[in-house]
C-alpha cells in the first residue's frame, strides 16, 4: 500500500503525535504557559505523514 493510505502511517502518527502532545501538555502546564507549544504535535504529525507520502514503494519489498 502506498503512502498515507497505509495503516502503518497512521499508527506512527498516533504514536509520535500522541507522545509529542503529552510532552507539550507537561511543558505547557508545568514550565511555560505559551500557547505556541501546542503546534508541536501538529508539526510532528504533518512531518510523519509527509515522510510516508514521499516514501518509495520499493521499501515495502521483503525480498
PDB file of N, CA and C in Angstrom:
ATOM      1  N   UNK A   1       0.839  -1.178   0.000  1.00  0.00           N
ATOM      2  CA  UNK A   1       0.000   0.000   0.000  1.00  0.00           C
ATOM      3  C   UNK A   1       0.885   1.242   0.000  1.00  0.00           C
ATOM      4  N   UNK A   2       0.385   2.317  -0.504  1.00  0.00           N
ATOM      5  CA  UNK A   2       1.202   3.494  -0.730  1.00  0.00           C
ATOM      6  C   UNK A   2       0.844   4.627   0.219  1.00  0.00           C
ATOM      7  N   UNK A   3       1.867   5.212   0.794  1.00  0.00           N
ATOM      8  CA  UNK A   3       1.767   6.497   1.492  1.00  0.00           C
ATOM      9  C   UNK A   3       0.774   6.562   2.635  1.00  0.00           C
ATOM     10  N   UNK A   4      -0.008   7.616   2.628  1.00  0.00           N
ATOM     11  CA  UNK A   4      -0.887   7.918   3.745  1.00  0.00           C
ATOM     12  C   UNK A   4      -2.032   6.927   3.874  1.00  0.00           C
ATOM     13  N   UNK A   5      -2.262   6.070   2.891  1.00  0.00           N
ATOM     14  CA  UNK A   5      -3.321   5.064   2.983  1.00  0.00           C
ATOM     15  C   UNK A   5      -2.876   3.825   3.755  1.00  0.00           C
ATOM     16  N   UNK A   6      -1.629   3.762   4.082  1.00  0.00           N
ATOM     17  CA  UNK A   6      -1.083   2.610   4.805  1.00  0.00           C
ATOM     18  C   UNK A   6      -1.403   2.738   6.296  1.00  0.00           C
ATOM     19  N   UNK A   7      -1.849   1.650   6.890  1.00  0.00           N
ATOM     20  CA  UNK A   7      -2.192   1.669   8.322  1.00  0.00           C
ATOM     21  C   UNK A   7      -0.972   1.957   9.188  1.00  0.00           C
ATOM     22  N   UNK A   8       0.214   1.562   8.720  1.00  0.00           N
ATOM     23  CA  UNK A   8       1.431   1.827   9.497  1.00  0.00           C
ATOM     24  C   UNK A   8       1.693   3.321   9.623  1.00  0.00           C
ATOM     25  N   UNK A   9       1.288   4.076   8.604  1.00  0.00           N
ATOM     26  CA  UNK A   9       1.454   5.537   8.646  1.00  0.00           C
ATOM     27  C   UNK A   9       0.652   6.117   9.805  1.00  0.00           C
ATOM     28  N   UNK A  10      -0.614   5.727   9.910  1.00  0.00           N
ATOM     29  CA  UNK A  10      -1.472   6.302  10.942  1.00  0.00           C
ATOM     30  C   UNK A  10      -1.108   5.809  12.331  1.00  0.00           C
ATOM     31  N   UNK A  11      -0.580   4.588  12.415  1.00  0.00           N
ATOM     32  CA  UNK A  11      -0.082   4.110  13.707  1.00  0.00           C
ATOM     33  C   UNK A  11       1.088   4.976  14.160  1.00  0.00           C
ATOM     34  N   UNK A  12       1.996   5.289  13.229  1.00  0.00           N
ATOM     35  CA  UNK A  12       3.144   6.123  13.575  1.00  0.00           C
ATOM     36  C   UNK A  12       2.709   7.543  13.919  1.00  0.00           C
ATOM     37  N   UNK A  13       1.708   8.073  13.197  1.00  0.00           N
ATOM     38  CA  UNK A  13       1.193   9.412  13.507  1.00  0.00           C
ATOM     39  C   UNK A  13       0.630   9.441  14.925  1.00  0.00           C
ATOM     40  N   UNK A  14      -0.155   8.425  15.281  1.00  0.00           N
ATOM     41  CA  UNK A  14      -0.739   8.392  16.627  1.00  0.00           C
ATOM     42  C   UNK A  14       0.327   8.257  17.708  1.00  0.00           C
ATOM     43  N   UNK A  15       1.321   7.430  17.466  1.00  0.00           N
ATOM     44  CA  UNK A  15       2.365   7.239  18.477  1.00  0.00           C
ATOM     45  C   UNK A  15       3.202   8.503  18.629  1.00  0.00           C
ATOM     46  N   UNK A  16       3.748   8.998  17.522  1.00  0.00           N
ATOM     47  CA  UNK A  16       4.624  10.176  17.613  1.00  0.00           C
ATOM     48  C   UNK A  16       3.854  11.437  17.989  1.00  0.00           C
ATOM     49  N   UNK A  17       2.691  11.634  17.382  1.00  0.00           N
ATOM     50  CA  UNK A  17       1.881  12.806  17.712  1.00  0.00           C
ATOM     51  C   UNK A  17       1.361  12.761  19.136  1.00  0.00           C
ATOM     52  N   UNK A  18       0.994  11.562  19.601  1.00  0.00           N
ATOM     53  CA  UNK A  18       0.496  11.421  20.969  1.00  0.00           C
ATOM     54  C   UNK A  18       1.560  11.699  22.011  1.00  0.00           C
ATOM     55  N   UNK A  19       2.734  11.147  21.792  1.00  0.00           N
ATOM     56  CA  UNK A  19       3.835  11.401  22.727  1.00  0.00           C
ATOM     57  C   UNK A  19       4.190  12.885  22.739  1.00  0.00           C
ATOM     58  N   UNK A  20       4.203  13.498  21.562  1.00  0.00           N
ATOM     59  CA  UNK A  20       4.511  14.929  21.486  1.00  0.00           C
ATOM     60  C   UNK A  20       3.424  15.752  22.168  1.00  0.00           C
ATOM     61  N   UNK A  21       2.170  15.349  22.040  1.00  0.00           N
ATOM     62  CA  UNK A  21       1.081  16.072  22.703  1.00  0.00           C
ATOM     63  C   UNK A  21       1.200  15.963  24.223  1.00  0.00           C
ATOM     64  N   UNK A  22       1.563  14.792  24.714  1.00  0.00           N
ATOM     65  CA  UNK A  22       1.758  14.627  26.160  1.00  0.00           C
ATOM     66  C   UNK A  22       2.907  15.506  26.643  1.00  0.00           C
ATOM     67  N   UNK A  23       4.001  15.501  25.889  1.00  0.00           N
ATOM     68  CA  UNK A  23       5.142  16.352  26.267  1.00  0.00           C
ATOM     69  C   UNK A  23       4.762  17.826  26.210  1.00  0.00           C
ATOM     70  N   UNK A  24       3.985  18.225  25.204  1.00  0.00           N
ATOM     71  CA  UNK A  24       3.556  19.621  25.094  1.00  0.00           C
ATOM     72  C   UNK A  24       2.675  20.000  26.281  1.00  0.00           C
ATOM     73  N   UNK A  25       1.810  19.087  26.705  1.00  0.00           N
ATOM     74  CA  UNK A  25       0.964  19.358  27.863  1.00  0.00           C
ATOM     75  C   UNK A  25       1.762  19.535  29.137  1.00  0.00           C
ATOM     76  N   UNK A  26       2.747  18.669  29.328  1.00  0.00           N
ATOM     77  CA  UNK A  26       3.603  18.790  30.516  1.00  0.00           C
ATOM     78  C   UNK A  26       4.366  20.105  30.480  1.00  0.00           C
ATOM     79  N   UNK A  27       4.931  20.431  29.331  1.00  0.00           N
ATOM     80  CA  UNK A  27       5.685  21.685  29.214  1.00  0.00           C
ATOM     81  C   UNK A  27       4.771  22.881  29.434  1.00  0.00           C
ATOM     82  N   UNK A  28       3.569  22.838  28.849  1.00  0.00           N
ATOM     83  CA  UNK A  28       2.642  23.966  28.969  1.00  0.00           C
ATOM     84  C   UNK A  28       2.203  24.178  30.418  1.00  0.00           C
ATOM     85  N   UNK A  29       1.793  23.102  31.078  1.00  0.00           N
ATOM     86  CA  UNK A  29       1.241  23.255  32.423  1.00  0.00           C
ATOM     87  C   UNK A  29       2.303  23.331  33.515  1.00  0.00           C
ATOM     88  N   UNK A  30       3.479  22.761  33.293  1.00  0.00           N
ATOM     89  CA  UNK A  30       4.492  22.734  34.349  1.00  0.00           C
ATOM     90  C   UNK A  30       5.554  23.816  34.188  1.00  0.00           C
ATOM     91  N   UNK A  31       5.898  24.144  32.959  1.00  0.00           N
ATOM     92  CA  UNK A  31       7.034  25.040  32.769  1.00  0.00           C
ATOM     93  C   UNK A  31       6.653  26.402  32.199  1.00  0.00           C
ATOM     94  N   UNK A  32       6.148  26.398  30.979  1.00  0.00           N
ATOM     95  CA  UNK A  32       5.923  27.661  30.269  1.00  0.00           C
ATOM     96  C   UNK A  32       4.519  27.674  29.675  1.00  0.00           C
ATOM     97  N   UNK A  33       3.632  28.526  30.151  1.00  0.00           N
ATOM     98  CA  UNK A  33       2.291  28.585  29.566  1.00  0.00           C
ATOM     99  C   UNK A  33       2.271  29.381  28.249  1.00  0.00           C
ATOM    100  N   UNK A  34       2.924  28.866  27.255  1.00  0.00           N
ATOM    101  CA  UNK A  34       2.992  29.503  25.933  1.00  0.00           C
ATOM    102  C   UNK A  34       2.111  28.699  24.972  1.00  0.00           C
ATOM    103  N   UNK A  35       1.074  29.308  24.405  1.00  0.00           N
ATOM    104  CA  UNK A  35       0.151  28.556  23.547  1.00  0.00           C
ATOM    105  C   UNK A  35       0.791  27.986  22.278  1.00  0.00           C
ATOM    106  N   UNK A  36       1.902  28.529  21.850  1.00  0.00           N
ATOM    107  CA  UNK A  36       2.540  28.030  20.632  1.00  0.00           C
ATOM    108  C   UNK A  36       3.080  26.611  20.786  1.00  0.00           C
ATOM    109  N   UNK A  37       3.243  26.148  22.016  1.00  0.00           N
ATOM    110  CA  UNK A  37       3.752  24.790  22.234  1.00  0.00           C
ATOM    111  C   UNK A  37       2.791  23.753  21.670  1.00  0.00           C
ATOM    112  N   UNK A  38       1.510  24.111  21.539  1.00  0.00           N
ATOM    113  CA  UNK A  38       0.524  23.164  21.019  1.00  0.00           C
ATOM    114  C   UNK A  38       0.653  22.955  19.514  1.00  0.00           C
ATOM    115  N   UNK A  39       1.494  23.731  18.853  1.00  0.00           N
ATOM    116  CA  UNK A  39       1.761  23.492  17.431  1.00  0.00           C
ATOM    117  C   UNK A  39       2.723  22.328  17.219  1.00  0.00           C
ATOM    118  N   UNK A  40       3.488  21.984  18.220  1.00  0.00           N
ATOM    119  CA  UNK A  40       4.484  20.914  18.087  1.00  0.00           C
ATOM    120  C   UNK A  40       3.860  19.577  17.684  1.00  0.00           C
ATOM    121  N   UNK A  41       2.771  19.109  18.318  1.00  0.00           N
ATOM    122  CA  UNK A  41       2.189  17.835  17.879  1.00  0.00           C
ATOM    123  C   UNK A  41       1.665  17.880  16.445  1.00  0.00           C
ATOM    124  N   UNK A  42       1.131  19.021  16.049  1.00  0.00           N
ATOM    125  CA  UNK A  42       0.628  19.168  14.675  1.00  0.00           C
ATOM    126  C   UNK A  42       1.775  19.085  13.680  1.00  0.00           C
ATOM    127  N   UNK A  43       2.875  19.755  13.989  1.00  0.00           N
ATOM    128  CA  UNK A  43       4.040  19.741  13.099  1.00  0.00           C
ATOM    129  C   UNK A  43       4.640  18.336  13.024  1.00  0.00           C
ATOM    130  N   UNK A  44       4.770  17.673  14.148  1.00  0.00           N
ATOM    131  CA  UNK A  44       5.325  16.315  14.152  1.00  0.00           C
ATOM    132  C   UNK A  44       4.436  15.374  13.344  1.00  0.00           C
ATOM    133  N   UNK A  45       3.135  15.465  13.526  1.00  0.00           N
ATOM    134  CA  UNK A  45       2.217  14.612  12.770  1.00  0.00           C
ATOM    135  C   UNK A  45       2.287  14.901  11.276  1.00  0.00           C
ATOM    136  N   UNK A  46       2.380  16.175  10.910  1.00  0.00           N
ATOM    137  CA  UNK A  46       2.499  16.532   9.491  1.00  0.00           C
ATOM    138  C   UNK A  46       3.798  16.004   8.889  1.00  0.00           C
ATOM    139  N   UNK A  47       4.881  16.054   9.642  1.00  0.00           N
ATOM    140  CA  UNK A  47       6.151  15.525   9.146  1.00  0.00           C
ATOM    141  C   UNK A  47       6.096  14.011   8.954  1.00  0.00           C
ATOM    142  N   UNK A  48       5.411  13.312   9.842  1.00  0.00           N
ATOM    143  CA  UNK A  48       5.279  11.860   9.691  1.00  0.00           C
ATOM    144  C   UNK A  48       4.472  11.530   8.441  1.00  0.00           C
ATOM    145  N   UNK A  49       3.367  12.229   8.229  1.00  0.00           N
ATOM    146  CA  UNK A  49       2.555  11.986   7.031  1.00  0.00           C
ATOM    147  C   UNK A  49       3.353  12.305   5.781  1.00  0.00           C
ATOM    148  N   UNK A  50       4.098  13.412   5.794  1.00  0.00           N
ATOM    149  CA  UNK A  50       4.910  13.769   4.630  1.00  0.00           C
ATOM    150  C   UNK A  50       5.957  12.692   4.360  1.00  0.00           C
ATOM    151  N   UNK A  51       6.540  12.157   5.416  1.00  0.00           N
ATOM    152  CA  UNK A  51       7.536  11.100   5.245  1.00  0.00           C
ATOM    153  C   UNK A  51       6.930   9.876   4.568  1.00  0.00           C
ATOM    154  N   UNK A  52       5.704   9.538   4.935  1.00  0.00           N
ATOM    155  CA  UNK A  52       5.057   8.376   4.334  1.00  0.00           C
ATOM    156  C   UNK A  52       4.579   8.662   2.914  1.00  0.00           C
ATOM    157  N   UNK A  53       4.228   9.891   2.616  1.00  0.00           N
ATOM    158  CA  UNK A  53       3.772  10.227   1.260  1.00  0.00           C
ATOM    159  C   UNK A  53       4.920  10.125   0.271  1.00  0.00           C
ATOM    160  N   UNK A  54       6.105  10.566   0.641  1.00  0.00           N
ATOM    161  CA  UNK A  54       7.244  10.548  -0.284  1.00  0.00           C
ATOM    162  C   UNK A  54       8.038   9.246  -0.209  1.00  0.00           C
ATOM    163  N   UNK A  55       7.610   8.313   0.615  1.00  0.00           N
ATOM    164  CA  UNK A  55       8.310   7.035   0.790  1.00  0.00           C
ATOM    165  C   UNK A  55       8.153   6.183  -0.466  1.00  0.00           C
ATOM    166  N   UNK A  56       9.247   5.694  -1.029  1.00  0.00           N
ATOM    167  CA  UNK A  56       9.139   4.852  -2.230  1.00  0.00           C
ATOM    168  C   UNK A  56       8.520   3.489  -1.908  1.00  0.00           C
ATOM    169  N   UNK A  57       7.754   2.970  -2.864  1.00  0.00           N
ATOM    170  CA  UNK A  57       7.095   1.678  -2.662  1.00  0.00           C
ATOM    171  C   UNK A  57       8.090   0.531  -2.581  1.00  0.00           C
ATOM    172  N   UNK A  58       9.281   0.729  -3.086  1.00  0.00           N
ATOM    173  CA  UNK A  58      10.271  -0.352  -3.081  1.00  0.00           C
ATOM    174  C   UNK A  58      10.713  -0.722  -1.669  1.00  0.00           C
ATOM    175  N   UNK A  59      10.483   0.150  -0.708  1.00  0.00           N
ATOM    176  CA  UNK A  59      10.845  -0.173   0.676  1.00  0.00           C
ATOM    177  C   UNK A  59       9.924  -1.235   1.273  1.00  0.00           C
ATOM    178  N   UNK A  60       8.772  -1.464   0.648  1.00  0.00           N
ATOM    179  CA  UNK A  60       7.842  -2.476   1.139  1.00  0.00           C
ATOM    180  C   UNK A  60       8.200  -3.877   0.672  1.00  0.00           C
ATOM    181  N   UNK A  61       9.114  -4.003  -0.275  1.00  0.00           N
ATOM    182  CA  UNK A  61       9.515  -5.321  -0.765  1.00  0.00           C
ATOM    183  C   UNK A  61      10.322  -6.039   0.308  1.00  0.00           C
ATOM    184  N   UNK A  62       9.955  -7.254   0.569  1.00  0.00           N
ATOM    185  CA  UNK A  62      10.638  -8.023   1.604  1.00  0.00           C
ATOM    186  C   UNK A  62      11.640  -9.004   1.017  1.00  0.00           C
ATOM    187  N   UNK A  63      11.972  -8.869  -0.252  1.00  0.00           N
ATOM    188  CA  UNK A  63      12.929  -9.773  -0.919  1.00  0.00           C
ATOM    189  C   UNK A  63      14.335  -9.518  -0.462  1.00  0.00           C
TER     190      UNK A  63
END
